[in-house]
Amino acid sequence: MSVLAKAYYNAKGLVTATQRKSNLSDRYKFESRSRNLDTAVIILAGYKQPLWPLVFPRLKAAMPADADICVMSAGKYDSALSALCAQNGWSYLGTHTNDVALVQNIAISLHPAATLIVKIDEDMFVTKDTVTLCIDYYKKLKADGIVNPALVTPMINVNGVTYRPLLKHLGLLEEYEARFGPARIATLGSRATDDPIAAQWIWERTAPLEQIAATLTPSSELLMAPVQFSIGLIVFEREFWEAIGLLPVKRHMLAMKQSTLGVDEDHLCRLATSQSRPVVICQHAIAGHFSFGRQYSGMLGFLGEHPEYFAEAGDQ
């Protein structure tokens, strides 16, 4: 642990028993089908129902056989998700409090045998190999010892970091910049993350994802995120989650009915930096991100007009 991280922990008491309890405390319903495996895949869902018919078949095809799968809903119990999980042999968790950090903490704690965690959001479109490639790459990075990763993530089309190298790989970077301006690597003020038209343009050129996946190959060069990374699909170790004091639950914000979206992302990325544990991109795996929040409504209209861009290649 870095000196900065130690100072932060000492000052803030992130791992005190009281705060740890707060980060895990809520009423919940857990329908467990866990097999106590070494890897747990936790899928955050419950609020983007229009995407489920497209997202969940992809997720089902991509789930590793040697992993426990748990769908989790923050602040609700969804009977449709419960039924889907029962059909697939997955666990389902619904919490009382609508806080994504809290539901993730509880989900991880309910899988005590899992040393490796994969977290996926309900607006991520995967190929059948996305998850296993990212898991294997995480393990390779640990074995190689060049970096000690905090998070491993695939190439993602609508993303403030990976969209640029992906467009460059596809020979589309100049065309994008002629239309939308510089393809800046940034999570704020980037048209790729702010503008629904830019997201539509990217989806038009990166679908079907399966065909793009076939063009990606492992690279000997590490690609790491230089800015805060969007955590729609990440692989990390339980040890890292423990080391950063779990994900922070901002009770004062919840009490004032303020949104806590993004608190988990900020915490993960900030503490990763302080501990010299980078976010590393698996350059031979890909996922599609439907949109960021400010693009969502515009992208829903696009989905209605072009469902073929979001279906698996064999379904088109």
Protein backbone atom coordinates (compact mmCIF):
# COMPACT_ATOMS: atom_id res chain seq x y z
CA MET A 1 0.00 0.00 0.00
CA SER A 2 1.32 3.45 -0.87
CA VAL A 3 2.11 6.09 1.73
CA LEU A 4 -0.73 8.22 0.33
CA ALA A 5 -3.18 5.35 0.63
CA LYS A 6 -2.09 4.64 4.21
CA ALA A 7 -2.55 8.30 5.11
CA TYR A 8 -5.99 8.28 3.53
CA TYR A 9 -7.01 5.18 5.47
CA ASN A 10 -5.65 6.55 8.72
CA ALA A 11 -7.39 9.88 8.26
CA LYS A 12 -10.71 8.51 7.03
CA GLY A 13 -10.81 5.20 8.89
CA LEU A 14 -12.09 3.36 5.84
CA VAL A 15 -11.60 -0.06 7.37
CA THR A 16 -13.04 0.58 10.83
CA ALA A 17 -15.61 -1.96 11.97
CA THR A 18 -18.34 0.69 12.17
CA GLN A 19 -17.87 1.95 8.64
CA ARG A 20 -17.44 -1.55 7.24
CA LYS A 21 -20.77 -2.45 8.82
CA SER A 22 -22.36 0.65 7.28
CA ASN A 23 -21.01 -0.33 3.85
CA LEU A 24 -22.76 -3.71 4.19
CA SER A 25 -25.91 -2.87 6.13
CA ASP A 26 -29.31 -3.07 4.44
CA ARG A 27 -32.44 -5.17 4.21
CA TYR A 28 -32.33 -7.51 1.25
CA LYS A 29 -33.75 -10.65 -0.32
CA PHE A 30 -31.22 -13.15 -1.63
CA GLU A 31 -32.24 -16.13 -3.72
CA SER A 32 -29.04 -18.14 -3.62
CA ARG A 33 -27.94 -20.68 -6.18
CA SER A 34 -24.28 -20.23 -5.34
CA ARG A 35 -21.88 -23.15 -5.68
CA ASN A 36 -19.16 -21.45 -3.62
CA LEU A 37 -16.84 -21.09 -6.58
CA ASP A 38 -13.63 -19.06 -6.84
CA THR A 39 -15.10 -16.56 -9.33
CA ALA A 40 -18.32 -14.58 -8.98
CA VAL A 41 -19.99 -12.59 -11.76
CA ILE A 42 -22.30 -9.92 -10.35
CA ILE A 43 -24.66 -8.23 -12.81
CA LEU A 44 -26.21 -4.89 -11.86
CA ALA A 45 -29.73 -4.66 -13.30
CA GLY A 46 -33.20 -3.39 -12.66
CA TYR A 47 -33.67 -0.03 -14.38
CA LYS A 48 -33.13 -0.49 -18.14
CA GLN A 49 -35.76 -3.06 -19.02
CA PRO A 50 -35.84 -2.22 -22.77
CA LEU A 51 -32.32 -3.62 -23.06
CA TRP A 52 -32.90 -6.92 -21.27
CA PRO A 53 -34.14 -8.96 -24.27
CA LEU A 54 -30.88 -8.12 -26.04
CA VAL A 55 -28.42 -8.00 -23.15
CA PHE A 56 -29.32 -11.09 -21.16
CA PRO A 57 -29.09 -13.68 -23.96
CA ARG A 58 -25.60 -12.39 -24.64
CA LEU A 59 -24.72 -12.57 -20.95
CA LYS A 60 -26.05 -16.11 -20.65
CA ALA A 61 -23.87 -17.25 -23.57
CA ALA A 62 -20.82 -15.52 -22.08
CA MET A 63 -20.98 -16.78 -18.50
CA PRO A 64 -18.04 -19.01 -17.49
CA ALA A 65 -19.06 -22.49 -16.38
CA ASP A 66 -16.78 -22.22 -13.34
CA ALA A 67 -18.31 -19.03 -11.92
CA ASP A 68 -21.20 -18.19 -9.63
CA ILE A 69 -23.60 -15.73 -11.28
CA CYS A 70 -25.68 -13.23 -9.33
CA VAL A 71 -27.99 -10.56 -10.74
CA MET A 72 -28.45 -7.70 -8.27
CA SER A 73 -30.97 -4.87 -8.11
CA ALA A 74 -30.38 -1.78 -5.98
CA GLY A 75 -33.48 -0.52 -4.21
CA LYS A 76 -35.95 -3.03 -5.61
CA TYR A 77 -36.96 -6.64 -6.00
CA ASP A 78 -37.85 -7.38 -9.62
CA SER A 79 -39.93 -10.50 -10.16
CA ALA A 80 -38.99 -10.69 -13.85
CA LEU A 81 -35.29 -10.74 -12.99
CA SER A 82 -35.94 -13.26 -10.24
CA ALA A 83 -37.65 -15.56 -12.75
CA LEU A 84 -34.87 -15.10 -15.29
CA CYS A 85 -32.30 -16.05 -12.66
CA ALA A 86 -34.26 -19.11 -11.60
CA GLN A 87 -34.44 -20.23 -15.23
CA ASN A 88 -30.69 -19.78 -15.71
CA GLY A 89 -29.58 -21.21 -12.37
CA TRP A 90 -28.29 -17.83 -11.19
CA SER A 91 -28.68 -16.15 -7.83
CA TYR A 92 -30.77 -13.00 -7.45
CA LEU A 93 -30.32 -10.21 -4.91
CA GLY A 94 -32.69 -7.31 -4.32
CA THR A 95 -31.87 -4.65 -1.73
CA HIS A 96 -34.08 -2.13 0.06
CA THR A 97 -31.78 0.87 -0.45
CA ASN A 98 -31.17 2.19 -3.94
CA ASP A 99 -27.39 2.48 -3.83
CA VAL A 100 -25.17 0.69 -6.33
CA ALA A 101 -22.14 0.60 -4.03
CA LEU A 102 -24.18 -0.99 -1.27
CA VAL A 103 -25.74 -3.69 -3.44
CA GLN A 104 -22.32 -4.61 -4.85
CA ASN A 105 -20.81 -4.84 -1.37
CA ILE A 106 -23.61 -7.12 -0.25
CA ALA A 107 -23.39 -9.29 -3.37
CA ILE A 108 -19.65 -9.78 -2.91
CA SER A 109 -20.06 -10.52 0.78
CA LEU A 110 -22.66 -13.18 -0.05
CA HIS A 111 -20.07 -14.99 -2.18
CA PRO A 112 -17.31 -15.48 0.40
CA ALA A 113 -15.47 -18.14 -1.59
CA ALA A 114 -14.99 -15.85 -4.60
CA THR A 115 -11.48 -14.40 -4.83
CA LEU A 116 -12.10 -12.93 -8.30
CA ILE A 117 -15.08 -10.69 -9.06
CA VAL A 118 -16.53 -9.70 -12.43
CA LYS A 119 -19.00 -6.82 -12.30
CA ILE A 120 -21.20 -6.08 -15.32
CA ASP A 121 -23.87 -3.41 -15.87
CA GLU A 122 -27.18 -4.14 -17.58
CA ASP A 123 -26.33 -1.88 -20.54
CA MET A 124 -23.21 -3.81 -21.56
CA PHE A 125 -23.38 -5.99 -24.68
CA VAL A 126 -20.84 -8.79 -24.58
CA THR A 127 -19.68 -11.45 -27.00
CA LYS A 128 -19.41 -15.08 -25.93
CA ASP A 129 -15.69 -14.65 -25.15
CA THR A 130 -15.64 -11.18 -23.54
CA VAL A 131 -15.78 -12.28 -19.92
CA THR A 132 -13.45 -15.27 -20.12
CA LEU A 133 -10.85 -13.30 -22.08
CA CYS A 134 -10.83 -10.54 -19.46
CA ILE A 135 -10.54 -13.05 -16.61
CA ASP A 136 -7.68 -14.86 -18.32
CA TYR A 137 -5.94 -11.57 -19.06
CA TYR A 138 -6.23 -10.50 -15.43
CA LYS A 139 -4.58 -13.74 -14.36
CA LYS A 140 -1.85 -13.31 -16.98
CA LEU A 141 -1.06 -9.79 -15.77
CA LYS A 142 -0.75 -11.05 -12.21
CA ALA A 143 1.53 -13.87 -13.31
CA ASP A 144 3.71 -11.62 -15.47
CA GLY A 145 4.20 -9.16 -12.62
CA ILE A 146 4.84 -6.08 -14.77
CA VAL A 147 1.85 -4.33 -13.21
CA ASN A 148 -0.45 -5.22 -10.34
CA PRO A 149 -3.84 -4.47 -11.87
CA ALA A 150 -6.70 -2.98 -9.93
CA LEU A 151 -9.22 -3.51 -12.72
CA VAL A 152 -9.21 -5.21 -16.10
CA THR A 153 -11.75 -4.18 -18.70
CA PRO A 154 -12.34 -4.97 -22.39
CA MET A 155 -12.26 -2.58 -25.30
CA ILE A 156 -15.58 -0.74 -25.15
CA ASN A 157 -17.09 1.14 -28.08
CA VAL A 158 -18.93 3.98 -26.28
CA ASN A 159 -16.33 4.88 -23.67
CA GLY A 160 -14.14 7.89 -22.95
CA VAL A 161 -10.87 5.93 -23.13
CA THR A 162 -11.14 2.84 -25.32
CA TYR A 163 -13.21 4.31 -28.14
CA ARG A 164 -10.15 6.06 -29.60
CA PRO A 165 -7.85 3.02 -29.91
CA LEU A 166 -10.81 0.96 -31.13
CA LEU A 167 -11.64 3.47 -33.87
CA LYS A 168 -7.97 3.65 -34.79
CA HIS A 169 -7.81 -0.14 -35.04
CA LEU A 170 -10.82 -0.10 -37.36
CA GLY A 171 -9.40 2.69 -39.54
CA LEU A 172 -12.25 5.00 -38.52
CA LEU A 173 -10.46 7.59 -36.42
CA GLU A 174 -10.08 10.24 -39.13
CA GLU A 175 -13.70 9.82 -40.20
CA TYR A 176 -14.89 10.22 -36.60
CA GLU A 177 -12.79 13.34 -36.04
CA ALA A 178 -13.97 14.90 -39.30
CA ARG A 179 -17.54 14.54 -38.02
CA PHE A 180 -17.22 15.12 -34.27
CA GLY A 181 -13.88 16.83 -33.69
CA PRO A 182 -10.83 15.50 -31.83
CA ALA A 183 -11.34 12.03 -30.34
CA ARG A 184 -10.10 13.15 -26.96
CA ILE A 185 -9.43 10.60 -24.28
CA ALA A 186 -11.65 11.99 -21.56
CA THR A 187 -14.62 11.01 -19.44
CA LEU A 188 -15.90 14.60 -19.28
CA GLY A 189 -16.60 16.83 -22.25
CA SER A 190 -16.15 14.11 -24.87
CA ARG A 191 -18.78 13.82 -27.57
CA ALA A 192 -18.35 10.05 -27.49
CA THR A 193 -19.73 10.06 -23.94
CA ASP A 194 -22.06 13.08 -24.14
CA ASP A 195 -23.63 13.16 -27.61
CA PRO A 196 -26.22 10.51 -28.59
CA ILE A 197 -25.46 11.12 -32.28
CA ALA A 198 -21.81 10.23 -31.66
CA ALA A 199 -22.86 7.08 -29.81
CA GLN A 200 -25.14 6.13 -32.71
CA TRP A 201 -22.33 6.73 -35.20
CA ILE A 202 -19.99 4.48 -33.21
CA TRP A 203 -22.58 1.70 -32.87
CA GLU A 204 -23.29 1.79 -36.60
CA ARG A 205 -19.61 1.07 -37.25
CA THR A 206 -18.82 -1.38 -34.45
CA ALA A 207 -21.75 -3.75 -34.98
CA PRO A 208 -21.94 -6.66 -35.10
CA LEU A 209 -19.60 -6.93 -32.15
CA GLU A 210 -18.76 -10.52 -33.00
CA GLN A 211 -17.15 -9.43 -36.27
CA ILE A 212 -15.07 -6.78 -34.52
CA ALA A 213 -14.03 -9.33 -31.89
CA ALA A 214 -12.59 -11.55 -34.62
CA THR A 215 -10.20 -8.75 -35.64
CA LEU A 216 -8.77 -8.18 -32.15
CA THR A 217 -5.57 -9.93 -31.14
CA PRO A 218 -3.45 -9.91 -27.96
CA SER A 219 -0.89 -7.13 -27.78
CA SER A 220 2.49 -7.18 -26.08
CA GLU A 221 2.01 -3.49 -25.25
CA LEU A 222 0.00 -2.60 -22.16
CA LEU A 223 -2.92 -0.22 -22.65
CA MET A 224 -3.85 1.53 -19.41
CA ALA A 225 -6.49 4.15 -18.64
CA PRO A 226 -4.93 7.58 -17.96
CA VAL A 227 -8.16 9.01 -16.54
CA GLN A 228 -11.09 7.75 -14.45
CA PHE A 229 -12.54 4.76 -16.23
CA SER A 230 -16.20 3.86 -16.67
CA ILE A 231 -16.74 0.60 -14.77
CA GLY A 232 -19.50 -1.05 -16.81
CA LEU A 233 -17.52 -4.29 -17.09
CA ILE A 234 -14.57 -4.87 -14.77
CA VAL A 235 -12.59 -7.76 -13.31
CA PHE A 236 -10.97 -7.29 -9.92
CA GLU A 237 -9.82 -9.22 -6.90
CA ARG A 238 -11.66 -9.52 -3.62
CA GLU A 239 -8.37 -8.54 -2.00
CA PHE A 240 -8.48 -5.16 -3.75
CA TRP A 241 -12.09 -4.58 -2.68
CA GLU A 242 -11.10 -5.36 0.90
CA ALA A 243 -7.97 -3.20 0.70
CA ILE A 244 -9.92 -0.08 -0.31
CA GLY A 245 -12.40 -0.48 2.54
CA LEU A 246 -15.15 -1.90 0.29
CA LEU A 247 -17.22 0.48 -1.84
CA PRO A 248 -18.30 3.57 0.10
CA VAL A 249 -21.97 4.01 0.99
CA LYS A 250 -22.72 7.72 1.39
CA ARG A 251 -25.47 7.58 4.00
CA HIS A 252 -25.72 11.36 4.29
CA MET A 253 -26.36 11.66 0.55
CA LEU A 254 -28.97 8.92 0.68
CA ALA A 255 -30.67 10.64 3.59
CA MET A 256 -30.95 13.83 1.53
CA LYS A 257 -32.17 11.80 -1.47
CA GLN A 258 -29.13 12.80 -3.50
CA SER A 259 -27.92 10.53 -6.29
CA THR A 260 -24.94 8.37 -5.38
CA LEU A 261 -24.37 7.12 -8.93
CA GLY A 262 -20.68 7.18 -9.76
CA VAL A 263 -19.48 7.11 -6.15
CA ASP A 264 -18.33 3.51 -6.61
CA GLU A 265 -16.47 4.37 -9.81
CA ASP A 266 -14.74 7.37 -8.27
CA HIS A 267 -13.67 5.34 -5.25
CA LEU A 268 -12.35 2.40 -7.26
CA CYS A 269 -10.37 4.53 -9.71
CA ARG A 270 -9.03 6.97 -7.13
CA LEU A 271 -7.85 4.29 -4.72
CA ALA A 272 -6.42 2.24 -7.59
CA THR A 273 -4.24 5.18 -8.50
CA SER A 274 -3.15 5.76 -4.90
CA GLN A 275 -2.08 2.13 -4.61
CA SER A 276 -0.25 2.09 -7.97
CA ARG A 277 -2.68 -0.48 -9.33
CA PRO A 278 -3.72 0.57 -12.84
CA VAL A 279 -6.84 0.01 -14.88
CA VAL A 280 -5.64 -2.20 -17.75
CA ILE A 281 -7.54 -2.77 -20.98
CA CYS A 282 -7.72 -6.24 -22.49
CA GLN A 283 -7.16 -5.29 -26.11
CA HIS A 284 -8.35 -8.61 -27.54
CA ALA A 285 -11.79 -8.52 -25.87
CA ILE A 286 -14.68 -6.22 -26.73
CA ALA A 287 -17.99 -5.12 -25.25
CA GLY A 288 -20.58 -2.68 -26.46
CA HIS A 289 -21.81 0.01 -24.08
CA PHE A 290 -25.32 1.10 -24.99
CA SER A 291 -24.88 4.68 -23.80
CA PHE A 292 -24.09 7.04 -20.99
CA GLY A 293 -27.03 8.53 -19.10
CA ARG A 294 -27.21 11.75 -21.09
CA GLN A 295 -27.30 9.70 -24.32
CA TYR A 296 -29.84 7.12 -23.17
CA SER A 297 -33.11 8.58 -24.45
CA GLY A 298 -31.64 9.33 -27.86
CA MET A 299 -30.18 5.85 -28.05
CA LEU A 300 -33.51 4.21 -27.20
CA GLY A 301 -35.00 5.75 -30.34
CA PHE A 302 -32.02 4.51 -32.31
CA LEU A 303 -32.50 1.00 -30.88
CA GLY A 304 -36.12 1.03 -32.03
CA GLU A 305 -35.04 1.94 -35.57
CA HIS A 306 -32.01 -0.36 -35.71
CA PRO A 307 -32.34 -3.38 -33.43
CA GLU A 308 -29.99 -5.26 -35.76
CA TYR A 309 -26.99 -3.33 -34.42
CA PHE A 310 -27.54 -4.75 -30.94
CA ALA A 311 -28.44 -8.36 -31.76
CA GLU A 312 -25.89 -11.14 -31.83
CA ALA A 313 -24.42 -11.75 -35.27
CA GLY A 314 -26.31 -15.02 -35.73
CA ASP A 315 -29.64 -13.34 -34.93
CA GLN A 316 -29.41 -10.63 -37.57
